[in-house]
N, C-alpha and C. Protein backbone atom coordinates (compact mmCIF):
# COMPACT_ATOMS: atom_id res chain seq x y z
N MET A 1 -70.33 -116.08 22.28
CA MET A 1 -70.26 -116.56 23.65
C MET A 1 -69.96 -118.06 23.62
N ALA A 2 -69.06 -118.47 24.48
CA ALA A 2 -68.69 -119.88 24.56
C ALA A 2 -69.33 -120.51 25.78
N VAL A 3 -69.61 -121.79 25.67
CA VAL A 3 -70.16 -122.55 26.78
C VAL A 3 -69.23 -123.72 27.03
N THR A 4 -68.90 -123.93 28.31
CA THR A 4 -68.03 -125.03 28.67
C THR A 4 -68.75 -125.90 29.68
N ILE A 5 -68.72 -127.19 29.47
CA ILE A 5 -69.32 -128.14 30.41
C ILE A 5 -68.19 -128.92 31.04
N ARG A 6 -68.13 -128.87 32.37
CA ARG A 6 -67.08 -129.57 33.11
C ARG A 6 -67.70 -130.26 34.31
N PRO A 7 -67.11 -131.37 34.74
CA PRO A 7 -67.60 -132.02 35.96
C PRO A 7 -67.20 -131.19 37.19
N ASP A 8 -68.06 -131.17 38.22
CA ASP A 8 -67.77 -130.43 39.44
C ASP A 8 -66.52 -130.95 40.16
N SER A 9 -66.18 -132.20 39.91
CA SER A 9 -65.02 -132.78 40.61
C SER A 9 -63.70 -132.39 39.94
N GLU A 10 -63.77 -131.66 38.84
CA GLU A 10 -62.55 -131.25 38.14
C GLU A 10 -61.77 -130.24 38.98
N ARG A 11 -60.47 -130.36 38.94
CA ARG A 11 -59.60 -129.41 39.63
C ARG A 11 -59.11 -128.39 38.61
N VAL A 12 -59.10 -127.13 39.03
CA VAL A 12 -58.66 -126.05 38.15
C VAL A 12 -57.44 -125.36 38.76
N THR A 13 -56.69 -124.68 37.90
CA THR A 13 -55.53 -123.92 38.36
C THR A 13 -55.99 -122.60 38.96
N THR A 14 -55.07 -121.89 39.60
CA THR A 14 -55.44 -120.59 40.15
C THR A 14 -55.80 -119.61 39.04
N GLN A 15 -55.15 -119.71 37.87
CA GLN A 15 -55.49 -118.82 36.76
C GLN A 15 -56.88 -119.13 36.22
N GLN A 16 -57.22 -120.40 36.10
CA GLN A 16 -58.56 -120.76 35.63
C GLN A 16 -59.61 -120.29 36.63
N ALA A 17 -59.33 -120.46 37.93
CA ALA A 17 -60.26 -119.99 38.96
C ALA A 17 -60.42 -118.48 38.89
N ALA A 18 -59.32 -117.76 38.65
CA ALA A 18 -59.37 -116.30 38.53
C ALA A 18 -60.23 -115.89 37.35
N ASP A 19 -60.10 -116.61 36.23
CA ASP A 19 -60.92 -116.31 35.05
C ASP A 19 -62.40 -116.52 35.34
N ILE A 20 -62.72 -117.58 36.05
CA ILE A 20 -64.12 -117.87 36.39
C ILE A 20 -64.69 -116.80 37.32
N LEU A 21 -63.89 -116.41 38.32
CA LEU A 21 -64.36 -115.45 39.32
C LEU A 21 -64.27 -114.00 38.84
N GLY A 22 -63.50 -113.76 37.77
CA GLY A 22 -63.36 -112.40 37.29
C GLY A 22 -62.42 -111.56 38.14
N VAL A 23 -61.42 -112.20 38.73
CA VAL A 23 -60.43 -111.51 39.55
C VAL A 23 -59.04 -111.88 39.04
N SER A 24 -58.01 -111.32 39.65
CA SER A 24 -56.65 -111.64 39.23
C SER A 24 -56.18 -112.94 39.89
N ARG A 25 -55.15 -113.55 39.31
CA ARG A 25 -54.60 -114.77 39.88
C ARG A 25 -54.03 -114.52 41.28
N PRO A 26 -53.31 -113.40 41.53
CA PRO A 26 -52.84 -113.16 42.89
C PRO A 26 -53.98 -113.05 43.92
N THR A 27 -55.13 -112.55 43.49
CA THR A 27 -56.28 -112.49 44.39
C THR A 27 -56.75 -113.89 44.77
N VAL A 28 -56.77 -114.80 43.79
CA VAL A 28 -57.15 -116.19 44.08
C VAL A 28 -56.13 -116.82 45.03
N VAL A 29 -54.85 -116.55 44.82
CA VAL A 29 -53.82 -117.09 45.70
C VAL A 29 -54.04 -116.58 47.13
N ARG A 30 -54.36 -115.29 47.27
CA ARG A 30 -54.63 -114.74 48.61
C ARG A 30 -55.86 -115.40 49.24
N LEU A 31 -56.89 -115.66 48.44
CA LEU A 31 -58.08 -116.34 48.95
C LEU A 31 -57.74 -117.74 49.44
N VAL A 32 -56.88 -118.44 48.68
CA VAL A 32 -56.47 -119.79 49.07
C VAL A 32 -55.63 -119.73 50.33
N ASP A 33 -54.66 -118.82 50.38
CA ASP A 33 -53.76 -118.72 51.54
C ASP A 33 -54.51 -118.32 52.81
N SER A 34 -55.58 -117.51 52.66
CA SER A 34 -56.35 -117.09 53.82
C SER A 34 -57.35 -118.14 54.28
N GLY A 35 -57.58 -119.17 53.44
CA GLY A 35 -58.53 -120.22 53.79
C GLY A 35 -59.94 -119.95 53.30
N ALA A 36 -60.15 -118.83 52.61
CA ALA A 36 -61.49 -118.52 52.10
C ALA A 36 -61.87 -119.41 50.94
N LEU A 37 -60.88 -119.97 50.26
CA LEU A 37 -61.11 -120.85 49.11
C LEU A 37 -60.25 -122.09 49.31
N PRO A 38 -60.86 -123.24 49.58
CA PRO A 38 -60.07 -124.46 49.82
C PRO A 38 -59.34 -124.90 48.56
N ALA A 39 -58.11 -125.37 48.76
CA ALA A 39 -57.31 -125.83 47.63
C ALA A 39 -56.35 -126.92 48.09
N GLU A 40 -55.85 -127.65 47.12
CA GLU A 40 -54.86 -128.69 47.39
C GLU A 40 -53.56 -128.25 46.73
N LYS A 41 -52.46 -128.44 47.43
CA LYS A 41 -51.18 -128.06 46.87
C LYS A 41 -50.48 -129.31 46.35
N ILE A 42 -50.16 -129.29 45.08
CA ILE A 42 -49.45 -130.40 44.45
C ILE A 42 -48.09 -129.86 44.05
N GLY A 43 -47.08 -130.21 44.81
CA GLY A 43 -45.76 -129.63 44.59
C GLY A 43 -45.83 -128.15 44.90
N ARG A 44 -45.48 -127.34 43.92
CA ARG A 44 -45.57 -125.88 44.10
C ARG A 44 -46.89 -125.32 43.61
N HIS A 45 -47.71 -126.14 43.01
CA HIS A 45 -48.94 -125.68 42.36
C HIS A 45 -50.17 -125.92 43.22
N ARG A 46 -51.10 -124.99 43.13
CA ARG A 46 -52.37 -125.13 43.84
C ARG A 46 -53.43 -125.60 42.85
N ARG A 47 -54.26 -126.50 43.31
CA ARG A 47 -55.39 -126.97 42.50
C ARG A 47 -56.65 -126.80 43.35
N ILE A 48 -57.69 -126.28 42.70
CA ILE A 48 -58.93 -125.95 43.40
C ILE A 48 -60.06 -126.70 42.72
N LEU A 49 -60.95 -127.30 43.53
CA LEU A 49 -62.11 -127.97 42.95
C LEU A 49 -63.02 -126.93 42.29
N LEU A 50 -63.47 -127.25 41.10
CA LEU A 50 -64.37 -126.36 40.39
C LEU A 50 -65.62 -126.07 41.21
N ALA A 51 -66.12 -127.07 41.91
CA ALA A 51 -67.31 -126.89 42.75
C ALA A 51 -67.04 -125.84 43.83
N ASP A 52 -65.83 -125.82 44.40
CA ASP A 52 -65.49 -124.82 45.42
C ASP A 52 -65.41 -123.42 44.82
N VAL A 53 -64.90 -123.32 43.60
CA VAL A 53 -64.82 -122.03 42.92
C VAL A 53 -66.23 -121.50 42.66
N LEU A 54 -67.11 -122.35 42.17
CA LEU A 54 -68.48 -121.94 41.88
C LEU A 54 -69.24 -121.59 43.16
N ALA A 55 -68.99 -122.33 44.24
CA ALA A 55 -69.63 -122.02 45.53
C ALA A 55 -69.16 -120.66 46.04
N HIS A 56 -67.86 -120.39 45.90
CA HIS A 56 -67.33 -119.09 46.33
C HIS A 56 -67.94 -117.96 45.51
N GLN A 57 -68.12 -118.20 44.22
CA GLN A 57 -68.73 -117.21 43.33
C GLN A 57 -70.16 -116.90 43.78
N SER A 58 -70.91 -117.94 44.13
CA SER A 58 -72.29 -117.74 44.59
C SER A 58 -72.33 -116.98 45.91
N LEU A 59 -71.45 -117.34 46.84
CA LEU A 59 -71.41 -116.64 48.13
C LEU A 59 -71.03 -115.18 47.96
N ARG A 60 -70.09 -114.92 47.06
CA ARG A 60 -69.68 -113.54 46.80
C ARG A 60 -70.84 -112.74 46.22
N ARG A 61 -71.58 -113.34 45.30
CA ARG A 61 -72.73 -112.65 44.70
C ARG A 61 -73.80 -112.36 45.76
N ILE A 62 -74.06 -113.31 46.64
CA ILE A 62 -75.03 -113.09 47.72
C ILE A 62 -74.56 -111.97 48.63
N GLY A 63 -73.26 -111.96 48.94
CA GLY A 63 -72.71 -110.90 49.78
C GLY A 63 -72.84 -109.53 49.13
N GLN A 64 -72.65 -109.47 47.81
CA GLN A 64 -72.80 -108.21 47.09
C GLN A 64 -74.24 -107.73 47.15
N LEU A 65 -75.19 -108.64 46.94
CA LEU A 65 -76.61 -108.26 46.99
C LEU A 65 -77.00 -107.83 48.40
N ASP A 66 -76.48 -108.51 49.42
CA ASP A 66 -76.75 -108.12 50.80
C ASP A 66 -76.22 -106.72 51.09
N ALA A 67 -75.03 -106.41 50.55
CA ALA A 67 -74.46 -105.07 50.76
C ALA A 67 -75.31 -104.01 50.08
N ILE A 68 -75.82 -104.31 48.91
CA ILE A 68 -76.68 -103.36 48.20
C ILE A 68 -77.95 -103.10 49.01
N VAL A 69 -78.54 -104.16 49.51
CA VAL A 69 -79.76 -104.02 50.31
C VAL A 69 -79.48 -103.25 51.59
N ALA A 70 -78.33 -103.53 52.24
CA ALA A 70 -78.00 -102.88 53.50
C ALA A 70 -77.76 -101.38 53.33
N THR A 71 -77.28 -100.98 52.16
CA THR A 71 -77.00 -99.56 51.96
C THR A 71 -78.12 -98.82 51.24
N SER A 72 -79.17 -99.53 50.88
CA SER A 72 -80.27 -98.88 50.17
C SER A 72 -81.27 -98.28 51.15
N ASP A 73 -82.16 -97.48 50.61
CA ASP A 73 -83.23 -96.87 51.39
C ASP A 73 -84.14 -97.97 51.91
N ARG A 74 -84.38 -97.99 53.19
CA ARG A 74 -85.19 -99.06 53.81
C ARG A 74 -86.62 -99.08 53.29
N ASP A 75 -87.14 -97.92 52.88
CA ASP A 75 -88.52 -97.87 52.40
C ASP A 75 -88.64 -98.27 50.94
N ALA A 76 -87.51 -98.29 50.25
CA ALA A 76 -87.54 -98.62 48.83
C ALA A 76 -87.75 -100.12 48.65
N GLU A 77 -88.28 -100.45 47.48
CA GLU A 77 -88.48 -101.85 47.15
C GLU A 77 -87.13 -102.53 46.93
N ILE A 78 -86.95 -103.72 47.48
CA ILE A 78 -85.69 -104.45 47.32
C ILE A 78 -85.66 -105.02 45.92
N PRO A 79 -84.59 -104.69 45.14
CA PRO A 79 -84.52 -105.19 43.77
C PRO A 79 -84.35 -106.70 43.71
N ASP A 80 -84.89 -107.30 42.68
CA ASP A 80 -84.75 -108.75 42.51
C ASP A 80 -83.68 -109.04 41.46
N ALA A 81 -83.48 -110.31 41.19
CA ALA A 81 -82.44 -110.74 40.26
C ALA A 81 -82.69 -110.18 38.86
N GLU A 82 -83.94 -110.07 38.44
CA GLU A 82 -84.25 -109.54 37.11
C GLU A 82 -83.84 -108.08 36.98
N PHE A 83 -83.97 -107.33 38.06
CA PHE A 83 -83.56 -105.93 38.04
C PHE A 83 -82.06 -105.84 37.75
N PHE A 84 -81.26 -106.67 38.45
CA PHE A 84 -79.81 -106.63 38.26
C PHE A 84 -79.43 -107.15 36.88
N LYS A 85 -80.15 -108.13 36.38
CA LYS A 85 -79.87 -108.66 35.04
C LYS A 85 -80.11 -107.58 33.99
N SER A 86 -81.22 -106.88 34.09
CA SER A 86 -81.51 -105.82 33.11
C SER A 86 -80.52 -104.67 33.25
N ALA A 87 -80.08 -104.37 34.46
CA ALA A 87 -79.09 -103.31 34.66
C ALA A 87 -77.76 -103.69 34.03
N ARG A 88 -77.35 -104.96 34.16
CA ARG A 88 -76.09 -105.42 33.54
C ARG A 88 -76.20 -105.35 32.01
N LYS A 89 -77.36 -105.73 31.46
CA LYS A 89 -77.55 -105.66 30.01
C LYS A 89 -77.47 -104.22 29.52
N ALA A 90 -78.09 -103.31 30.24
CA ALA A 90 -78.05 -101.90 29.84
C ALA A 90 -76.63 -101.36 29.91
N SER A 91 -75.90 -101.74 30.92
CA SER A 91 -74.52 -101.30 31.07
C SER A 91 -73.65 -101.84 29.94
N ALA A 92 -73.84 -103.10 29.58
CA ALA A 92 -73.07 -103.71 28.50
C ALA A 92 -73.40 -103.04 27.16
N ALA A 93 -74.67 -102.73 26.94
CA ALA A 93 -75.07 -102.06 25.70
C ALA A 93 -74.43 -100.67 25.62
N ALA A 94 -74.38 -99.96 26.74
CA ALA A 94 -73.76 -98.63 26.75
C ALA A 94 -72.27 -98.72 26.46
N ARG A 95 -71.60 -99.75 26.97
CA ARG A 95 -70.17 -99.95 26.70
C ARG A 95 -69.94 -100.23 25.22
N ARG A 96 -70.82 -101.07 24.63
CA ARG A 96 -70.69 -101.39 23.20
C ARG A 96 -70.86 -100.15 22.34
N GLU A 97 -71.77 -99.27 22.72
CA GLU A 97 -72.00 -98.04 21.95
C GLU A 97 -70.80 -97.12 22.01
N ARG A 98 -70.12 -97.07 23.16
CA ARG A 98 -68.94 -96.20 23.30
C ARG A 98 -67.76 -96.73 22.52
N ALA A 99 -67.70 -98.05 22.33
CA ALA A 99 -66.53 -98.66 21.65
C ALA A 99 -66.55 -98.49 20.17
């Protein structure tokens, strides 16, 4: 696993933003064009503040958790972050075993 330290004021390309968000570059372009992700256009190229990419990632994660809670049984206990972390680890371990 690699760790990268970058300043929040750094500008990233649409491909770098896509890699961070785990989506395709055209998806990032659509997010920028729709205004969901602020960006600056330099010539033909778009540059996005790393802080904006990370903020969008956090909002998307919150939206996903809200959707899970909204579609779950109201009487059931609402899962916390540790539940999702352990579920992701179990899923990754199962993928490694299949490979």
